[in-house]
């Protein structure tokens, strides 16, 4: 793959991540989008359908993960990195979704900050922001 193709592909993949973020209110069921903008200061946890919320959160995490894995593959072209990344994403999902479910089922105002940050790792591609520099640094050390 030549350089121009690589950069165009990366631009498209990052563009997909931006589109997911830009159209999150249309694409996904998430009553916490508005809640964490300002409402968490004044009202209790919003009404929510737990199964639907978990399904859409899982769907969003999966979309972000697939695009992130594609970005990692385009950048590094190493199947070992992809295998390790799949393991990291799967393990992170299991741990984060359990914590997320706890906060959804047991909402307490003193836990909103922790809940907000756990939710952020599930709905945004933050793990990619951790893995890209880590793999790049590892590649430089070799």
N, C-alpha and C. Protein backbone atom coordinates (compact mmCIF):
# COMPACT_ATOMS: atom_id res chain seq x y z
N UNK A 1 0.85 -1.17 0.00
CA UNK A 1 0.00 0.00 0.00
C UNK A 1 0.90 1.24 0.00
N UNK A 2 0.69 2.09 -0.99
CA UNK A 2 1.52 3.29 -1.04
C UNK A 2 1.06 4.32 -0.01
N UNK A 3 1.87 5.34 0.16
CA UNK A 3 1.61 6.33 1.20
C UNK A 3 0.29 7.08 1.01
N UNK A 4 0.00 7.47 -0.20
CA UNK A 4 -1.23 8.23 -0.47
C UNK A 4 -2.46 7.39 -0.12
N UNK A 5 -2.46 6.14 -0.52
CA UNK A 5 -3.58 5.25 -0.20
C UNK A 5 -3.73 5.09 1.31
N UNK A 6 -2.61 4.93 1.98
CA UNK A 6 -2.62 4.78 3.44
C UNK A 6 -3.22 6.02 4.11
N UNK A 7 -2.81 7.21 3.69
CA UNK A 7 -3.33 8.44 4.29
C UNK A 7 -4.81 8.64 3.96
N UNK A 8 -5.22 8.30 2.77
CA UNK A 8 -6.64 8.43 2.42
C UNK A 8 -7.47 7.47 3.25
N UNK A 9 -6.99 6.23 3.40
CA UNK A 9 -7.70 5.25 4.20
C UNK A 9 -7.79 5.68 5.67
N UNK A 10 -6.71 6.20 6.20
CA UNK A 10 -6.73 6.70 7.58
C UNK A 10 -7.69 7.88 7.73
N UNK A 11 -7.71 8.76 6.74
CA UNK A 11 -8.63 9.90 6.75
C UNK A 11 -10.07 9.42 6.77
N UNK A 12 -10.38 8.42 5.94
CA UNK A 12 -11.74 7.87 5.89
C UNK A 12 -12.11 7.20 7.21
N UNK A 13 -11.19 6.42 7.77
CA UNK A 13 -11.47 5.72 9.03
C UNK A 13 -11.66 6.69 10.19
N UNK A 14 -10.80 7.69 10.29
CA UNK A 14 -10.99 8.70 11.34
C UNK A 14 -12.26 9.50 11.08
N UNK A 15 -12.58 9.72 9.81
CA UNK A 15 -13.83 10.38 9.47
C UNK A 15 -15.04 9.59 9.94
N UNK A 16 -14.98 8.27 9.83
CA UNK A 16 -16.06 7.43 10.34
C UNK A 16 -16.23 7.58 11.86
N UNK A 17 -15.12 7.65 12.57
CA UNK A 17 -15.20 7.87 14.01
C UNK A 17 -15.83 9.22 14.32
N UNK A 18 -15.49 10.23 13.54
CA UNK A 18 -16.08 11.56 13.73
C UNK A 18 -17.58 11.53 13.42
N UNK A 19 -17.97 10.81 12.36
CA UNK A 19 -19.38 10.71 12.02
C UNK A 19 -20.19 9.99 13.10
N UNK A 20 -19.61 8.96 13.69
CA UNK A 20 -20.28 8.27 14.79
C UNK A 20 -20.51 9.24 15.93
N UNK A 21 -19.53 10.03 16.24
CA UNK A 21 -19.66 11.03 17.31
C UNK A 21 -20.64 12.13 16.92
N UNK A 22 -20.57 12.57 15.69
CA UNK A 22 -21.43 13.67 15.24
C UNK A 22 -22.90 13.32 15.18
N UNK A 23 -23.20 12.08 14.86
CA UNK A 23 -24.60 11.65 14.74
C UNK A 23 -25.02 10.72 15.87
N UNK A 24 -24.36 10.82 17.02
CA UNK A 24 -24.64 9.93 18.13
C UNK A 24 -26.07 10.05 18.63
N UNK A 25 -26.61 11.25 18.62
CA UNK A 25 -27.96 11.43 19.13
C UNK A 25 -29.01 10.83 18.19
N UNK A 26 -28.70 10.68 16.91
CA UNK A 26 -29.62 10.09 15.94
C UNK A 26 -29.43 8.57 15.85
N UNK A 27 -28.19 8.12 15.90
CA UNK A 27 -27.89 6.70 15.68
C UNK A 27 -28.12 5.82 16.91
N UNK A 28 -27.94 6.36 18.10
CA UNK A 28 -27.91 5.52 19.29
C UNK A 28 -28.91 6.00 20.34
N UNK A 29 -29.49 5.05 21.04
CA UNK A 29 -30.33 5.36 22.19
C UNK A 29 -29.41 5.58 23.39
N UNK A 30 -29.41 6.79 23.92
CA UNK A 30 -28.58 7.08 25.08
C UNK A 30 -29.14 8.29 25.82
N UNK A 31 -29.98 8.06 26.83
CA UNK A 31 -30.55 9.17 27.59
C UNK A 31 -29.49 9.94 28.39
N UNK A 32 -28.31 9.37 28.51
CA UNK A 32 -27.25 10.05 29.27
C UNK A 32 -26.52 11.11 28.46
N UNK A 33 -26.76 11.18 27.15
CA UNK A 33 -26.11 12.22 26.34
C UNK A 33 -26.49 13.61 26.84
N UNK A 34 -27.77 13.85 26.99
CA UNK A 34 -28.25 15.14 27.47
C UNK A 34 -28.03 15.27 28.97
N UNK A 35 -28.23 14.17 29.66
CA UNK A 35 -28.11 14.18 31.12
C UNK A 35 -26.75 14.67 31.58
N UNK A 36 -25.68 14.19 30.96
CA UNK A 36 -24.34 14.58 31.40
C UNK A 36 -23.88 15.92 30.84
N UNK A 37 -24.68 16.54 29.99
CA UNK A 37 -24.33 17.89 29.54
C UNK A 37 -24.58 18.92 30.64
N UNK A 38 -25.68 18.74 31.39
CA UNK A 38 -25.99 19.71 32.43
C UNK A 38 -26.97 19.16 33.46
N UNK A 39 -27.84 18.25 33.06
CA UNK A 39 -28.93 17.81 33.94
C UNK A 39 -28.46 17.09 35.19
N UNK A 40 -27.29 16.48 35.15
CA UNK A 40 -26.82 15.71 36.31
C UNK A 40 -26.65 16.59 37.54
N UNK A 41 -26.55 17.90 37.33
CA UNK A 41 -26.41 18.82 38.46
C UNK A 41 -27.73 19.06 39.18
N UNK A 42 -28.85 18.85 38.47
CA UNK A 42 -30.14 19.25 39.01
C UNK A 42 -31.14 18.13 39.21
N UNK A 43 -31.05 17.06 38.43
CA UNK A 43 -32.05 16.01 38.53
C UNK A 43 -31.37 14.66 38.76
N UNK A 44 -32.19 13.72 39.18
CA UNK A 44 -31.68 12.35 39.35
C UNK A 44 -31.51 11.71 37.98
N UNK A 45 -31.04 10.50 38.00
CA UNK A 45 -30.77 9.75 36.78
C UNK A 45 -32.02 9.72 35.87
N UNK A 46 -31.83 9.85 34.56
CA UNK A 46 -32.99 9.89 33.65
C UNK A 46 -33.66 8.53 33.52
N UNK A 47 -34.90 8.56 33.02
CA UNK A 47 -35.59 7.30 32.71
C UNK A 47 -34.83 6.60 31.61
N UNK A 48 -34.73 5.28 31.72
CA UNK A 48 -33.98 4.54 30.72
C UNK A 48 -34.50 3.12 30.62
N UNK A 49 -34.33 2.56 29.44
CA UNK A 49 -34.61 1.14 29.22
C UNK A 49 -33.25 0.45 29.24
N UNK A 50 -33.00 -0.30 30.28
CA UNK A 50 -31.66 -0.84 30.52
C UNK A 50 -31.21 -1.76 29.39
N UNK A 51 -32.05 -2.68 28.95
CA UNK A 51 -31.64 -3.61 27.89
C UNK A 51 -31.33 -2.86 26.59
N UNK A 52 -32.18 -1.90 26.25
CA UNK A 52 -31.96 -1.12 25.03
C UNK A 52 -30.69 -0.27 25.15
N UNK A 53 -30.47 0.30 26.32
CA UNK A 53 -29.28 1.12 26.56
C UNK A 53 -28.01 0.29 26.44
N UNK A 54 -28.01 -0.89 27.03
CA UNK A 54 -26.83 -1.77 26.96
C UNK A 54 -26.61 -2.25 25.52
N UNK A 55 -27.68 -2.56 24.81
CA UNK A 55 -27.55 -3.01 23.42
C UNK A 55 -26.95 -1.92 22.54
N UNK A 56 -27.43 -0.70 22.68
CA UNK A 56 -26.90 0.39 21.85
C UNK A 56 -25.48 0.78 22.28
N UNK A 57 -25.19 0.70 23.56
CA UNK A 57 -23.82 0.98 24.01
C UNK A 57 -22.87 -0.08 23.48
N UNK A 58 -23.29 -1.34 23.51
CA UNK A 58 -22.48 -2.42 22.96
C UNK A 58 -22.28 -2.25 21.45
N UNK A 59 -23.33 -1.88 20.76
CA UNK A 59 -23.24 -1.65 19.31
C UNK A 59 -22.25 -0.52 19.01
N UNK A 60 -22.34 0.56 19.76
CA UNK A 60 -21.43 1.69 19.54
C UNK A 60 -19.99 1.30 19.85
N UNK A 61 -19.79 0.58 20.93
CA UNK A 61 -18.45 0.12 21.29
C UNK A 61 -17.89 -0.77 20.18
N UNK A 62 -18.73 -1.65 19.65
CA UNK A 62 -18.30 -2.56 18.58
C UNK A 62 -17.92 -1.78 17.32
N UNK A 63 -18.74 -0.81 16.94
CA UNK A 63 -18.41 0.02 15.77
C UNK A 63 -17.06 0.73 15.97
N UNK A 64 -16.90 1.36 17.11
CA UNK A 64 -15.65 2.06 17.39
C UNK A 64 -14.47 1.10 17.41
N UNK A 65 -14.67 -0.11 17.94
CA UNK A 65 -13.61 -1.09 18.01
C UNK A 65 -13.19 -1.56 16.63
N UNK A 66 -14.15 -1.88 15.78
CA UNK A 66 -13.82 -2.35 14.42
C UNK A 66 -13.07 -1.28 13.65
N UNK A 67 -13.52 -0.05 13.74
CA UNK A 67 -12.84 1.05 13.04
C UNK A 67 -11.45 1.27 13.64
N UNK A 68 -11.34 1.20 14.95
CA UNK A 68 -10.04 1.38 15.62
C UNK A 68 -9.06 0.28 15.22
N UNK A 69 -9.54 -0.95 15.14
CA UNK A 69 -8.68 -2.05 14.72
C UNK A 69 -8.23 -1.86 13.27
N UNK A 70 -9.11 -1.35 12.44
CA UNK A 70 -8.73 -1.07 11.05
C UNK A 70 -7.65 0.01 11.00
N UNK A 71 -7.79 1.03 11.84
CA UNK A 71 -6.78 2.10 11.90
C UNK A 71 -5.44 1.51 12.35
N UNK A 72 -5.46 0.68 13.37
CA UNK A 72 -4.21 0.07 13.85
C UNK A 72 -3.57 -0.79 12.77
N UNK A 73 -4.40 -1.51 12.01
CA UNK A 73 -3.85 -2.35 10.96
C UNK A 73 -3.23 -1.51 9.84
N UNK A 74 -3.91 -0.43 9.46
CA UNK A 74 -3.38 0.44 8.40
C UNK A 74 -2.06 1.07 8.84
N UNK A 75 -1.99 1.47 10.09
CA UNK A 75 -0.78 2.14 10.58
C UNK A 75 0.38 1.16 10.74
N UNK A 76 0.14 -0.01 11.32
CA UNK A 76 1.24 -0.90 11.68
C UNK A 76 1.38 -2.14 10.80
N UNK A 77 0.35 -2.57 10.13
CA UNK A 77 0.37 -3.76 9.27
C UNK A 77 0.97 -4.98 9.98
N UNK A 78 0.55 -5.17 11.21
CA UNK A 78 1.07 -6.28 12.01
C UNK A 78 -0.11 -7.02 12.64
N UNK A 79 -0.29 -8.28 12.24
CA UNK A 79 -1.40 -9.06 12.76
C UNK A 79 -1.25 -9.36 14.25
N UNK A 80 -0.03 -9.40 14.73
CA UNK A 80 0.20 -9.60 16.17
C UNK A 80 -0.36 -8.45 16.99
N UNK A 81 -0.18 -7.24 16.49
CA UNK A 81 -0.73 -6.06 17.16
C UNK A 81 -2.25 -6.13 17.16
N UNK A 82 -2.84 -6.56 16.05
CA UNK A 82 -4.29 -6.65 15.96
C UNK A 82 -4.82 -7.70 16.93
N UNK A 83 -4.16 -8.85 17.00
CA UNK A 83 -4.60 -9.91 17.93
C UNK A 83 -4.54 -9.42 19.37
N UNK A 84 -3.46 -8.76 19.73
CA UNK A 84 -3.34 -8.22 21.08
C UNK A 84 -4.39 -7.15 21.33
N UNK A 85 -4.64 -6.31 20.35
CA UNK A 85 -5.63 -5.24 20.49
C UNK A 85 -7.03 -5.81 20.66
N UNK A 86 -7.35 -6.87 19.93
CA UNK A 86 -8.66 -7.52 20.09
C UNK A 86 -8.81 -8.01 21.53
N UNK A 87 -7.76 -8.59 22.07
CA UNK A 87 -7.78 -9.06 23.46
C UNK A 87 -7.99 -7.89 24.42
N UNK A 88 -7.28 -6.79 24.20
CA UNK A 88 -7.43 -5.61 25.05
C UNK A 88 -8.85 -5.07 24.97
N UNK A 89 -9.37 -4.94 23.76
CA UNK A 89 -10.73 -4.41 23.59
C UNK A 89 -11.76 -5.34 24.23
N UNK A 90 -11.62 -6.63 24.07
CA UNK A 90 -12.58 -7.59 24.65
C UNK A 90 -12.53 -7.54 26.17
N UNK A 91 -11.34 -7.56 26.73
CA UNK A 91 -11.19 -7.51 28.18
C UNK A 91 -11.72 -6.19 28.74
N UNK A 92 -11.39 -5.09 28.07
CA UNK A 92 -11.87 -3.78 28.50
C UNK A 92 -13.40 -3.73 28.46
N UNK A 93 -13.98 -4.31 27.41
CA UNK A 93 -15.44 -4.29 27.30
C UNK A 93 -16.09 -5.04 28.45
N UNK A 94 -15.60 -6.22 28.74
CA UNK A 94 -16.19 -7.02 29.82
C UNK A 94 -16.11 -6.27 31.15
N UNK A 95 -14.97 -5.71 31.45
CA UNK A 95 -14.80 -4.99 32.72
C UNK A 95 -15.64 -3.72 32.74
N UNK A 96 -15.57 -2.93 31.67
CA UNK A 96 -16.29 -1.66 31.64
C UNK A 96 -17.81 -1.84 31.61
N UNK A 97 -18.30 -2.83 30.90
CA UNK A 97 -19.76 -3.00 30.82
C UNK A 97 -20.32 -3.46 32.16
N UNK A 98 -19.56 -4.22 32.92
CA UNK A 98 -20.03 -4.62 34.25
C UNK A 98 -20.10 -3.40 35.18
N UNK A 99 -19.08 -2.56 35.14
CA UNK A 99 -19.10 -1.34 35.95
C UNK A 99 -20.22 -0.42 35.49
N UNK A 100 -20.37 -0.29 34.17
CA UNK A 100 -21.42 0.54 33.58
C UNK A 100 -22.80 0.07 34.04
N UNK A 101 -23.03 -1.22 33.99
CA UNK A 101 -24.33 -1.77 34.42
C UNK A 101 -24.59 -1.49 35.89
N UNK A 102 -23.57 -1.58 36.70
CA UNK A 102 -23.74 -1.25 38.12
C UNK A 102 -24.23 0.19 38.27
N UNK A 103 -23.60 1.11 37.56
CA UNK A 103 -23.99 2.51 37.67
C UNK A 103 -25.37 2.78 37.08
N UNK A 104 -25.73 2.07 36.02
CA UNK A 104 -27.06 2.25 35.42
C UNK A 104 -28.15 1.74 36.36
N UNK A 105 -27.91 0.61 36.96
CA UNK A 105 -28.91 0.00 37.83
C UNK A 105 -28.97 0.68 39.20
N UNK A 106 -27.83 1.14 39.69
CA UNK A 106 -27.75 1.79 41.01
C UNK A 106 -27.25 3.23 40.89
N UNK A 107 -28.06 4.13 40.32
CA UNK A 107 -27.57 5.51 40.15
C UNK A 107 -27.54 6.27 41.47
N UNK A 108 -26.38 6.82 41.75
CA UNK A 108 -26.20 7.67 42.93
C UNK A 108 -25.48 8.93 42.48
N UNK A 109 -25.92 10.05 42.97
CA UNK A 109 -25.34 11.31 42.50
C UNK A 109 -23.84 11.40 42.79
N UNK A 110 -23.39 10.83 43.87
CA UNK A 110 -21.96 10.89 44.19
C UNK A 110 -21.12 10.02 43.25
N UNK A 111 -21.76 9.12 42.51
CA UNK A 111 -21.04 8.26 41.57
C UNK A 111 -21.08 8.77 40.13
N UNK A 112 -21.72 9.88 39.87
CA UNK A 112 -21.91 10.35 38.49
C UNK A 112 -20.58 10.62 37.78
N UNK A 113 -19.60 11.13 38.48
CA UNK A 113 -18.32 11.42 37.84
C UNK A 113 -17.64 10.13 37.36
N UNK A 114 -17.63 9.12 38.21
CA UNK A 114 -17.05 7.83 37.83
C UNK A 114 -17.86 7.20 36.70
N UNK A 115 -19.18 7.26 36.81
CA UNK A 115 -20.06 6.73 35.78
C UNK A 115 -19.81 7.42 34.44
N UNK A 116 -19.67 8.73 34.47
CA UNK A 116 -19.41 9.51 33.25
C UNK A 116 -18.13 9.03 32.57
N UNK A 117 -17.10 8.79 33.35
CA UNK A 117 -15.82 8.38 32.77
C UNK A 117 -15.83 6.94 32.28
N UNK A 118 -16.49 6.04 32.97
CA UNK A 118 -16.62 4.66 32.49
C UNK A 118 -17.41 4.66 31.19
N UNK A 119 -18.49 5.43 31.16
CA UNK A 119 -19.32 5.53 29.96
C UNK A 119 -18.52 6.10 28.80
N UNK A 120 -17.67 7.04 29.09
CA UNK A 120 -16.84 7.66 28.04
C UNK A 120 -15.93 6.63 27.37
N UNK A 121 -15.35 5.74 28.15
CA UNK A 121 -14.50 4.69 27.57
C UNK A 121 -15.31 3.73 26.71
N UNK A 122 -16.58 3.55 27.02
CA UNK A 122 -17.42 2.65 26.23
C UNK A 122 -17.92 3.28 24.94
N UNK A 123 -18.20 4.57 24.95
CA UNK A 123 -18.83 5.16 23.77
C UNK A 123 -17.88 5.95 22.88
N UNK A 124 -16.67 6.17 23.33
CA UNK A 124 -15.69 6.89 22.52
C UNK A 124 -14.46 6.01 22.30
N UNK A 125 -13.73 6.22 21.23
CA UNK A 125 -12.56 5.36 20.94
C UNK A 125 -11.31 5.77 21.73
N UNK A 126 -11.44 5.89 23.03
CA UNK A 126 -10.31 6.32 23.86
C UNK A 126 -9.21 5.26 23.94
N UNK A 127 -9.59 4.01 23.84
CA UNK A 127 -8.57 2.95 23.90
C UNK A 127 -7.62 3.07 22.71
N UNK A 128 -8.14 3.49 21.57
CA UNK A 128 -7.29 3.72 20.40
C UNK A 128 -6.24 4.79 20.71
N UNK A 129 -6.66 5.83 21.44
CA UNK A 129 -5.71 6.89 21.80
C UNK A 129 -4.62 6.41 22.75
N UNK A 130 -4.88 5.32 23.43
CA UNK A 130 -3.86 4.72 24.29
C UNK A 130 -2.98 3.73 23.52
N UNK A 131 -3.60 2.96 22.63
CA UNK A 131 -2.85 1.92 21.92
C UNK A 131 -1.94 2.47 20.83
N UNK A 132 -2.39 3.47 20.09
CA UNK A 132 -1.56 4.01 18.99
C UNK A 132 -0.18 4.45 19.46
N UNK A 133 -0.08 5.33 20.47
CA UNK A 133 1.27 5.72 20.90
C UNK A 133 2.04 4.58 21.57
N UNK A 134 1.34 3.67 22.24
CA UNK A 134 2.03 2.56 22.89
C UNK A 134 2.68 1.65 21.85
N UNK A 135 1.94 1.31 20.80
CA UNK A 135 2.51 0.46 19.75
C UNK A 135 3.58 1.19 18.96
N UNK A 136 3.40 2.48 18.76
CA UNK A 136 4.41 3.27 18.04
C UNK A 136 5.71 3.30 18.84
N UNK A 137 5.60 3.54 20.14
CA UNK A 137 6.78 3.55 21.01
C UNK A 137 7.45 2.18 21.01
N UNK A 138 6.64 1.13 21.06
CA UNK A 138 7.17 -0.24 21.04
C UNK A 138 7.91 -0.50 19.73
N UNK A 139 7.35 -0.01 18.64
CA UNK A 139 7.98 -0.19 17.33
C UNK A 139 9.32 0.57 17.26
N UNK A 140 9.38 1.75 17.88
CA UNK A 140 10.63 2.52 17.88
C UNK A 140 11.72 1.84 18.71
N UNK A 141 11.31 1.19 19.79
CA UNK A 141 12.27 0.52 20.67
C UNK A 141 12.91 -0.72 20.02
N UNK A 142 12.21 -1.32 19.04
CA UNK A 142 12.71 -2.54 18.40
C UNK A 142 13.76 -2.27 17.39
